[in-house]
Amino acid sequence: MLWLCTNLIDTNPKHDHSQRYVRAPKLDKAAVQLMIKSWPEHFGCLFDMGLCAFERLFEKRPDLMEHFSFTDKSNWKKDDNMKKVVLALEQMLVHAVSVFGEEKGPQEANEAVSGFSDLVKELGGLHRHIAPALTLADFDFFFEMLPQARSASFFSI
């Protein structure tokens, strides 16, 4: 998660994010299989990695912190809402590896993608709860970026 935050997401406010926001990593099939195989032994540190990802994000873009409804900005890591978001991101990452990393039959694949979609909606609701300063235009910008991210070749399998 920390790697994603620091390497995939361009947080430089001077860059024109309307053109290219996500850099696509090149992972071959062997790299994806290694990730799936080693997943269980690294699962325990995901929460800490999630907090580190937000820490790095706030270091690079401290202005983003104003969008969150922290009661104590100096102690944001202990904020209950932030913990919920990090846990939801962790669940989404685990679910993504399961949904997209393991071979499934057509019906099982459809059910898995549907469940993943529900998880993403839940995560969006959590973000809306802890980041009330975000406007609909901010979400519109995010959804404009999704097709670019989707069309980018994330996995060269």
N, C-alpha and C. Protein backbone atom coordinates (compact mmCIF):
# COMPACT_ATOMS: atom_id res chain seq x y z
N MET A 1 0.83 -1.18 0.00
CA MET A 1 0.00 0.00 0.00
C MET A 1 0.88 1.25 0.00
N LEU A 2 1.96 1.23 0.80
CA LEU A 2 2.88 2.36 0.82
C LEU A 2 3.52 2.55 -0.54
N TRP A 3 3.91 1.44 -1.17
CA TRP A 3 4.50 1.54 -2.50
C TRP A 3 3.51 2.17 -3.47
N LEU A 4 2.24 1.76 -3.40
CA LEU A 4 1.22 2.34 -4.27
C LEU A 4 1.11 3.83 -4.05
N CYS A 5 1.07 4.23 -2.79
CA CYS A 5 0.88 5.64 -2.48
C CYS A 5 2.06 6.47 -2.96
N THR A 6 3.27 5.96 -2.79
CA THR A 6 4.44 6.76 -3.13
C THR A 6 4.87 6.63 -4.58
N ASN A 7 4.48 5.56 -5.24
CA ASN A 7 4.95 5.35 -6.60
C ASN A 7 3.89 5.46 -7.68
N LEU A 8 2.66 5.14 -7.38
CA LEU A 8 1.62 5.19 -8.40
C LEU A 8 0.92 6.54 -8.45
N ILE A 9 0.73 7.16 -7.29
CA ILE A 9 -0.06 8.37 -7.25
C ILE A 9 0.85 9.58 -7.27
N ASP A 10 0.68 10.40 -8.27
CA ASP A 10 1.46 11.63 -8.41
C ASP A 10 0.83 12.68 -7.51
N THR A 11 1.54 13.02 -6.41
CA THR A 11 0.98 13.97 -5.45
C THR A 11 1.54 15.38 -5.62
N ASN A 12 2.28 15.63 -6.68
CA ASN A 12 2.84 16.95 -6.89
C ASN A 12 1.74 17.92 -7.31
N PRO A 13 1.47 18.96 -6.49
CA PRO A 13 0.37 19.89 -6.83
C PRO A 13 0.65 20.72 -8.08
N LYS A 14 1.91 20.77 -8.54
CA LYS A 14 2.25 21.57 -9.72
C LYS A 14 1.99 20.82 -11.02
N HIS A 15 1.78 19.51 -10.94
CA HIS A 15 1.55 18.71 -12.15
C HIS A 15 0.11 18.83 -12.62
N ASP A 16 -0.07 18.72 -13.91
CA ASP A 16 -1.41 18.74 -14.49
C ASP A 16 -2.00 17.34 -14.36
N HIS A 17 -2.83 17.13 -13.35
CA HIS A 17 -3.38 15.81 -13.08
C HIS A 17 -4.51 15.43 -14.02
N SER A 18 -4.95 16.34 -14.84
CA SER A 18 -6.04 15.99 -15.74
C SER A 18 -5.55 15.11 -16.89
N GLN A 19 -4.25 15.07 -17.12
CA GLN A 19 -3.72 14.29 -18.23
C GLN A 19 -3.27 12.90 -17.81
N ARG A 20 -2.54 12.81 -16.71
CA ARG A 20 -2.01 11.50 -16.29
C ARG A 20 -1.81 11.54 -14.79
N TYR A 21 -2.59 10.78 -14.08
CA TYR A 21 -2.52 10.79 -12.62
C TYR A 21 -1.88 9.53 -12.07
N VAL A 22 -2.06 8.41 -12.73
CA VAL A 22 -1.55 7.15 -12.22
C VAL A 22 -0.49 6.61 -13.18
N ARG A 23 0.66 6.26 -12.61
CA ARG A 23 1.69 5.60 -13.41
C ARG A 23 1.46 4.10 -13.32
N ALA A 24 1.54 3.43 -14.43
CA ALA A 24 1.23 1.99 -14.45
C ALA A 24 2.48 1.16 -14.21
N PRO A 25 2.48 0.32 -13.16
CA PRO A 25 3.62 -0.56 -12.96
C PRO A 25 3.57 -1.72 -13.94
N LYS A 26 4.71 -2.25 -14.27
CA LYS A 26 4.78 -3.40 -15.16
C LYS A 26 5.11 -4.64 -14.32
N LEU A 27 4.12 -5.49 -14.15
CA LEU A 27 4.31 -6.73 -13.41
C LEU A 27 4.06 -7.90 -14.33
N ASP A 28 5.02 -8.84 -14.34
CA ASP A 28 4.79 -10.03 -15.16
C ASP A 28 4.05 -11.07 -14.33
N LYS A 29 3.68 -12.15 -14.97
CA LYS A 29 2.88 -13.19 -14.30
C LYS A 29 3.62 -13.76 -13.10
N ALA A 30 4.93 -13.93 -13.20
CA ALA A 30 5.71 -14.48 -12.08
C ALA A 30 5.65 -13.55 -10.87
N ALA A 31 5.70 -12.24 -11.10
CA ALA A 31 5.63 -11.28 -9.99
C ALA A 31 4.27 -11.33 -9.31
N VAL A 32 3.21 -11.45 -10.10
CA VAL A 32 1.86 -11.55 -9.52
C VAL A 32 1.72 -12.83 -8.72
N GLN A 33 2.23 -13.95 -9.23
CA GLN A 33 2.16 -15.22 -8.51
C GLN A 33 2.96 -15.16 -7.21
N LEU A 34 4.12 -14.49 -7.23
CA LEU A 34 4.92 -14.33 -6.02
C LEU A 34 4.14 -13.53 -4.97
N MET A 35 3.45 -12.48 -5.41
CA MET A 35 2.65 -11.67 -4.50
C MET A 35 1.55 -12.52 -3.86
N ILE A 36 0.86 -13.32 -4.67
CA ILE A 36 -0.22 -14.16 -4.16
C ILE A 36 0.32 -15.21 -3.19
N LYS A 37 1.47 -15.80 -3.53
CA LYS A 37 2.05 -16.85 -2.70
C LYS A 37 2.54 -16.30 -1.36
N SER A 38 3.15 -15.11 -1.36
CA SER A 38 3.73 -14.56 -0.13
C SER A 38 2.74 -13.71 0.66
N TRP A 39 1.53 -13.54 0.12
CA TRP A 39 0.52 -12.69 0.76
C TRP A 39 0.29 -13.03 2.24
N PRO A 40 0.05 -14.30 2.62
CA PRO A 40 -0.29 -14.59 4.02
C PRO A 40 0.79 -14.17 5.02
N GLU A 41 2.05 -14.30 4.66
CA GLU A 41 3.10 -13.97 5.64
C GLU A 41 3.29 -12.47 5.84
N HIS A 42 2.75 -11.64 4.95
CA HIS A 42 2.87 -10.19 5.09
C HIS A 42 1.56 -9.52 5.49
N PHE A 43 0.53 -10.30 5.69
CA PHE A 43 -0.79 -9.75 5.97
C PHE A 43 -0.82 -8.91 7.25
N GLY A 44 -0.11 -9.35 8.28
CA GLY A 44 -0.16 -8.67 9.57
C GLY A 44 0.33 -7.25 9.57
N CYS A 45 1.19 -6.88 8.65
CA CYS A 45 1.75 -5.53 8.66
C CYS A 45 0.98 -4.57 7.75
N LEU A 46 -0.12 -5.01 7.16
CA LEU A 46 -0.86 -4.14 6.24
C LEU A 46 -1.41 -2.89 6.90
N PHE A 47 -1.89 -3.00 8.13
CA PHE A 47 -2.45 -1.82 8.81
C PHE A 47 -1.36 -0.77 9.00
N ASP A 48 -0.18 -1.20 9.47
CA ASP A 48 0.93 -0.26 9.65
C ASP A 48 1.35 0.34 8.31
N MET A 49 1.34 -0.48 7.27
CA MET A 49 1.69 0.03 5.94
C MET A 49 0.68 1.08 5.50
N GLY A 50 -0.60 0.86 5.79
CA GLY A 50 -1.63 1.83 5.43
C GLY A 50 -1.43 3.16 6.13
N LEU A 51 -1.12 3.10 7.43
CA LEU A 51 -0.85 4.34 8.16
C LEU A 51 0.38 5.05 7.60
N CYS A 52 1.42 4.27 7.26
CA CYS A 52 2.62 4.86 6.66
C CYS A 52 2.32 5.51 5.32
N ALA A 53 1.42 4.89 4.56
CA ALA A 53 1.06 5.46 3.26
C ALA A 53 0.41 6.83 3.44
N PHE A 54 -0.52 6.93 4.39
CA PHE A 54 -1.15 8.22 4.65
C PHE A 54 -0.13 9.22 5.21
N GLU A 55 0.79 8.74 6.05
CA GLU A 55 1.82 9.62 6.60
C GLU A 55 2.67 10.22 5.48
N ARG A 56 3.08 9.36 4.55
CA ARG A 56 3.87 9.85 3.41
C ARG A 56 3.06 10.82 2.55
N LEU A 57 1.78 10.49 2.35
CA LEU A 57 0.92 11.36 1.57
C LEU A 57 0.80 12.73 2.23
N PHE A 58 0.59 12.76 3.55
CA PHE A 58 0.45 14.03 4.26
C PHE A 58 1.77 14.79 4.33
N GLU A 59 2.91 14.06 4.30
CA GLU A 59 4.21 14.74 4.25
C GLU A 59 4.39 15.44 2.91
N LYS A 60 4.02 14.75 1.84
CA LYS A 60 4.17 15.33 0.50
C LYS A 60 3.13 16.40 0.22
N ARG A 61 1.93 16.21 0.72
CA ARG A 61 0.83 17.16 0.48
C ARG A 61 0.11 17.48 1.78
N PRO A 62 0.73 18.28 2.67
CA PRO A 62 0.09 18.60 3.94
C PRO A 62 -1.25 19.30 3.77
N ASP A 63 -1.45 19.96 2.63
CA ASP A 63 -2.72 20.64 2.38
C ASP A 63 -3.90 19.66 2.32
N LEU A 64 -3.63 18.39 2.01
CA LEU A 64 -4.71 17.40 1.94
C LEU A 64 -5.30 17.09 3.31
N MET A 65 -4.52 17.31 4.35
CA MET A 65 -5.00 17.01 5.70
C MET A 65 -6.22 17.86 6.07
N GLU A 66 -6.32 19.04 5.51
CA GLU A 66 -7.45 19.91 5.84
C GLU A 66 -8.79 19.33 5.36
N HIS A 67 -8.75 18.38 4.44
CA HIS A 67 -9.98 17.76 3.94
C HIS A 67 -10.54 16.71 4.89
N PHE A 68 -9.75 16.30 5.87
CA PHE A 68 -10.19 15.26 6.79
C PHE A 68 -10.72 15.88 8.07
N SER A 69 -11.67 15.20 8.69
CA SER A 69 -12.31 15.73 9.89
C SER A 69 -11.66 15.19 11.16
N PHE A 70 -10.34 15.32 11.25
CA PHE A 70 -9.64 14.86 12.45
C PHE A 70 -9.95 15.81 13.60
N THR A 71 -10.15 15.24 14.79
CA THR A 71 -10.35 16.09 15.96
C THR A 71 -9.01 16.63 16.44
N ASP A 72 -7.95 15.87 16.23
CA ASP A 72 -6.61 16.29 16.65
C ASP A 72 -5.65 15.98 15.51
N LYS A 73 -5.29 17.00 14.73
CA LYS A 73 -4.46 16.77 13.54
C LYS A 73 -3.06 16.27 13.88
N SER A 74 -2.56 16.59 15.08
CA SER A 74 -1.23 16.11 15.45
C SER A 74 -1.25 14.64 15.85
N ASN A 75 -2.44 14.12 16.13
CA ASN A 75 -2.57 12.74 16.57
C ASN A 75 -3.51 11.96 15.65
N TRP A 76 -3.45 12.24 14.34
CA TRP A 76 -4.40 11.69 13.37
C TRP A 76 -4.34 10.17 13.27
N LYS A 77 -3.18 9.57 13.56
CA LYS A 77 -3.06 8.11 13.43
C LYS A 77 -3.96 7.37 14.41
N LYS A 78 -4.33 8.01 15.50
CA LYS A 78 -5.17 7.37 16.51
C LYS A 78 -6.65 7.69 16.31
N ASP A 79 -6.97 8.48 15.31
CA ASP A 79 -8.35 8.86 15.03
C ASP A 79 -9.15 7.62 14.60
N ASP A 80 -10.30 7.40 15.23
CA ASP A 80 -11.10 6.21 14.93
C ASP A 80 -11.55 6.14 13.48
N ASN A 81 -11.92 7.28 12.91
CA ASN A 81 -12.35 7.28 11.50
C ASN A 81 -11.20 6.91 10.57
N MET A 82 -10.00 7.38 10.90
CA MET A 82 -8.84 7.05 10.07
C MET A 82 -8.55 5.56 10.14
N LYS A 83 -8.67 4.99 11.34
CA LYS A 83 -8.46 3.55 11.49
C LYS A 83 -9.45 2.77 10.64
N LYS A 84 -10.71 3.23 10.60
CA LYS A 84 -11.72 2.56 9.79
C LYS A 84 -11.35 2.60 8.31
N VAL A 85 -10.86 3.75 7.86
CA VAL A 85 -10.49 3.87 6.44
C VAL A 85 -9.31 2.96 6.12
N VAL A 86 -8.30 2.95 6.99
CA VAL A 86 -7.13 2.10 6.74
C VAL A 86 -7.54 0.63 6.74
N LEU A 87 -8.40 0.23 7.68
CA LEU A 87 -8.88 -1.16 7.70
C LEU A 87 -9.70 -1.48 6.45
N ALA A 88 -10.52 -0.52 6.00
CA ALA A 88 -11.30 -0.74 4.78
C ALA A 88 -10.38 -0.87 3.57
N LEU A 89 -9.33 -0.06 3.51
CA LEU A 89 -8.36 -0.18 2.42
C LEU A 89 -7.66 -1.54 2.47
N GLU A 90 -7.34 -1.98 3.69
CA GLU A 90 -6.70 -3.29 3.86
C GLU A 90 -7.63 -4.39 3.35
N GLN A 91 -8.90 -4.32 3.72
CA GLN A 91 -9.86 -5.32 3.25
C GLN A 91 -9.99 -5.28 1.73
N MET A 92 -9.99 -4.07 1.18
CA MET A 92 -10.12 -3.94 -0.26
C MET A 92 -8.91 -4.55 -0.97
N LEU A 93 -7.73 -4.32 -0.41
CA LEU A 93 -6.51 -4.87 -1.01
C LEU A 93 -6.53 -6.40 -0.96
N VAL A 94 -6.92 -6.94 0.19
CA VAL A 94 -7.02 -8.40 0.33
C VAL A 94 -8.04 -8.95 -0.66
N HIS A 95 -9.18 -8.29 -0.75
CA HIS A 95 -10.23 -8.74 -1.66
C HIS A 95 -9.76 -8.64 -3.11
N ALA A 96 -9.03 -7.57 -3.44
CA ALA A 96 -8.54 -7.40 -4.81
C ALA A 96 -7.59 -8.53 -5.20
N VAL A 97 -6.71 -8.91 -4.27
CA VAL A 97 -5.78 -10.01 -4.56
C VAL A 97 -6.57 -11.30 -4.77
N SER A 98 -7.58 -11.52 -3.95
CA SER A 98 -8.41 -12.72 -4.08
C SER A 98 -9.21 -12.71 -5.39
N VAL A 99 -9.84 -11.56 -5.69
CA VAL A 99 -10.70 -11.47 -6.87
C VAL A 99 -9.91 -11.55 -8.16
N PHE A 100 -8.82 -10.79 -8.23
CA PHE A 100 -8.12 -10.67 -9.50
C PHE A 100 -6.86 -11.52 -9.59
N GLY A 101 -6.43 -12.12 -8.46
CA GLY A 101 -5.20 -12.89 -8.49
C GLY A 101 -5.40 -14.39 -8.57
N GLU A 102 -6.59 -14.86 -8.25
CA GLU A 102 -6.84 -16.29 -8.25
C GLU A 102 -7.76 -16.65 -9.41
N GLU A 103 -7.48 -17.79 -10.04
CA GLU A 103 -8.32 -18.22 -11.16
C GLU A 103 -9.67 -18.69 -10.64
N LYS A 104 -10.73 -18.32 -11.37
CA LYS A 104 -12.09 -18.67 -10.98
C LYS A 104 -12.90 -19.01 -12.21
N GLY A 105 -13.98 -19.75 -11.99
CA GLY A 105 -14.94 -19.99 -13.06
C GLY A 105 -15.76 -18.74 -13.32
N PRO A 106 -16.50 -18.68 -14.43
CA PRO A 106 -17.25 -17.47 -14.79
C PRO A 106 -18.23 -16.99 -13.72
N GLN A 107 -19.02 -17.90 -13.15
CA GLN A 107 -20.01 -17.48 -12.15
C GLN A 107 -19.32 -17.00 -10.87
N GLU A 108 -18.31 -17.75 -10.45
CA GLU A 108 -17.57 -17.36 -9.25
C GLU A 108 -16.87 -16.02 -9.45
N ALA A 109 -16.35 -15.79 -10.65
CA ALA A 109 -15.69 -14.52 -10.95
C ALA A 109 -16.68 -13.37 -10.90
N ASN A 110 -17.89 -13.56 -11.46
CA ASN A 110 -18.91 -12.51 -11.41
C ASN A 110 -19.30 -12.18 -9.98
N GLU A 111 -19.48 -13.19 -9.14
CA GLU A 111 -19.84 -12.97 -7.74
C GLU A 111 -18.72 -12.24 -7.00
N ALA A 112 -17.48 -12.61 -7.29
CA ALA A 112 -16.34 -11.98 -6.63
C ALA A 112 -16.23 -10.51 -7.01
N VAL A 113 -16.41 -10.20 -8.29
CA VAL A 113 -16.34 -8.81 -8.74
C VAL A 113 -17.48 -8.00 -8.14
N SER A 114 -18.67 -8.59 -8.05
CA SER A 114 -19.81 -7.91 -7.44
C SER A 114 -19.53 -7.58 -5.97
N GLY A 115 -18.96 -8.53 -5.24
CA GLY A 115 -18.60 -8.30 -3.85
C GLY A 115 -17.54 -7.23 -3.71
N PHE A 116 -16.58 -7.23 -4.64
CA PHE A 116 -15.53 -6.22 -4.63
C PHE A 116 -16.13 -4.84 -4.87
N SER A 117 -17.09 -4.75 -5.77
CA SER A 117 -17.77 -3.49 -6.06
C SER A 117 -18.46 -2.95 -4.80
N ASP A 118 -19.12 -3.83 -4.06
CA ASP A 118 -19.77 -3.41 -2.81
C ASP A 118 -18.76 -2.88 -1.80
N LEU A 119 -17.59 -3.52 -1.73
CA LEU A 119 -16.54 -3.09 -0.82
C LEU A 119 -16.02 -1.71 -1.21
N VAL A 120 -15.86 -1.46 -2.49
CA VAL A 120 -15.39 -0.15 -2.96
C VAL A 120 -16.42 0.93 -2.62
N LYS A 121 -17.71 0.62 -2.77
CA LYS A 121 -18.77 1.58 -2.40
C LYS A 121 -18.71 1.90 -0.91
N GLU A 122 -18.50 0.88 -0.10
CA GLU A 122 -18.41 1.09 1.35
C GLU A 122 -17.22 1.99 1.68
N LEU A 123 -16.09 1.74 1.03
CA LEU A 123 -14.90 2.55 1.25
C LEU A 123 -15.17 4.00 0.85
N GLY A 124 -15.86 4.19 -0.25
CA GLY A 124 -16.21 5.55 -0.68
C GLY A 124 -17.06 6.26 0.35
N GLY A 125 -17.98 5.54 0.97
CA GLY A 125 -18.81 6.13 2.02
C GLY A 125 -17.98 6.53 3.23
N LEU A 126 -16.99 5.71 3.58
CA LEU A 126 -16.11 6.05 4.70
C LEU A 126 -15.31 7.31 4.39
N HIS A 127 -14.79 7.39 3.18
CA HIS A 127 -14.04 8.58 2.81
C HIS A 127 -14.92 9.83 2.88
N ARG A 128 -16.15 9.70 2.43
CA ARG A 128 -17.07 10.84 2.46
C ARG A 128 -17.34 11.25 3.91
N HIS A 129 -17.38 10.28 4.81
CA HIS A 129 -17.64 10.56 6.22
C HIS A 129 -16.46 11.30 6.86
N ILE A 130 -15.23 10.86 6.59
CA ILE A 130 -14.09 11.49 7.27
C ILE A 130 -13.55 12.69 6.51
N ALA A 131 -13.95 12.86 5.27
CA ALA A 131 -13.45 13.98 4.48
C ALA A 131 -14.62 14.83 3.99
N PRO A 132 -15.36 15.46 4.91
CA PRO A 132 -16.55 16.21 4.51
C PRO A 132 -16.24 17.44 3.67
N ALA A 133 -14.99 17.91 3.68
CA ALA A 133 -14.65 19.10 2.91
C ALA A 133 -14.52 18.82 1.42
N LEU A 134 -14.47 17.54 1.04
CA LEU A 134 -14.39 17.23 -0.38
C LEU A 134 -15.71 17.58 -1.05
N THR A 135 -15.61 18.16 -2.22
CA THR A 135 -16.81 18.57 -2.94
C THR A 135 -17.16 17.53 -3.99
N LEU A 136 -18.34 17.66 -4.56
CA LEU A 136 -18.73 16.76 -5.65
C LEU A 136 -17.77 16.89 -6.82
N ALA A 137 -17.23 18.09 -7.04
CA ALA A 137 -16.27 18.28 -8.13
C ALA A 137 -15.01 17.44 -7.90
N ASP A 138 -14.60 17.30 -6.63
CA ASP A 138 -13.44 16.46 -6.32
C ASP A 138 -13.72 15.01 -6.70
N PHE A 139 -14.93 14.54 -6.40
CA PHE A 139 -15.30 13.18 -6.76
C PHE A 139 -15.43 13.04 -8.28
N ASP A 140 -15.96 14.08 -8.94
CA ASP A 140 -16.04 14.06 -10.41
C ASP A 140 -14.66 13.91 -11.01
N PHE A 141 -13.67 14.64 -10.46
CA PHE A 141 -12.30 14.55 -10.95
C PHE A 141 -11.78 13.12 -10.77
N PHE A 142 -12.06 12.53 -9.61
CA PHE A 142 -11.62 11.17 -9.34
C PHE A 142 -12.21 10.20 -10.36
N PHE A 143 -13.51 10.33 -10.62
CA PHE A 143 -14.16 9.41 -11.56
C PHE A 143 -13.70 9.66 -13.00
N GLU A 144 -13.26 10.87 -13.31
CA GLU A 144 -12.68 11.13 -14.63
C GLU A 144 -11.35 10.41 -14.78
N MET A 145 -10.63 10.23 -13.68
CA MET A 145 -9.33 9.57 -13.70
C MET A 145 -9.45 8.06 -13.82
N LEU A 146 -10.56 7.49 -13.36
CA LEU A 146 -10.71 6.03 -13.37
C LEU A 146 -10.55 5.40 -14.74
N PRO A 147 -11.18 5.95 -15.80
CA PRO A 147 -10.98 5.31 -17.11
C PRO A 147 -9.52 5.30 -17.55
N GLN A 148 -8.78 6.37 -17.21
CA GLN A 148 -7.37 6.41 -17.56
C GLN A 148 -6.61 5.33 -16.80
N ALA A 149 -6.93 5.19 -15.51
CA ALA A 149 -6.26 4.17 -14.71
C ALA A 149 -6.64 2.78 -15.20
N ARG A 150 -7.90 2.61 -15.55
CA ARG A 150 -8.38 1.30 -16.01
C ARG A 150 -7.76 0.93 -17.35
N SER A 151 -7.60 1.92 -18.24
CA SER A 151 -7.05 1.62 -19.56
C SER A 151 -5.54 1.42 -19.51
N ALA A 152 -4.90 1.93 -18.44
CA ALA A 152 -3.46 1.73 -18.31
C ALA A 152 -3.20 0.24 -18.08
N SER A 153 -2.10 -0.24 -18.59
CA SER A 153 -1.78 -1.66 -18.45
C SER A 153 -1.12 -1.89 -17.10
N PHE A 154 -1.91 -2.22 -16.06
CA PHE A 154 -1.36 -2.45 -14.74
C PHE A 154 -0.60 -3.77 -14.68
N PHE A 155 -1.09 -4.76 -15.35
CA PHE A 155 -0.45 -6.07 -15.31
C PHE A 155 -0.18 -6.55 -16.73
N SER A 156 1.06 -6.86 -17.00
CA SER A 156 1.43 -7.39 -18.32
C SER A 156 1.46 -8.91 -18.23
N ILE A 157 0.28 -9.51 -18.20
CA ILE A 157 0.21 -10.98 -18.05
C ILE A 157 -0.15 -11.58 -19.39
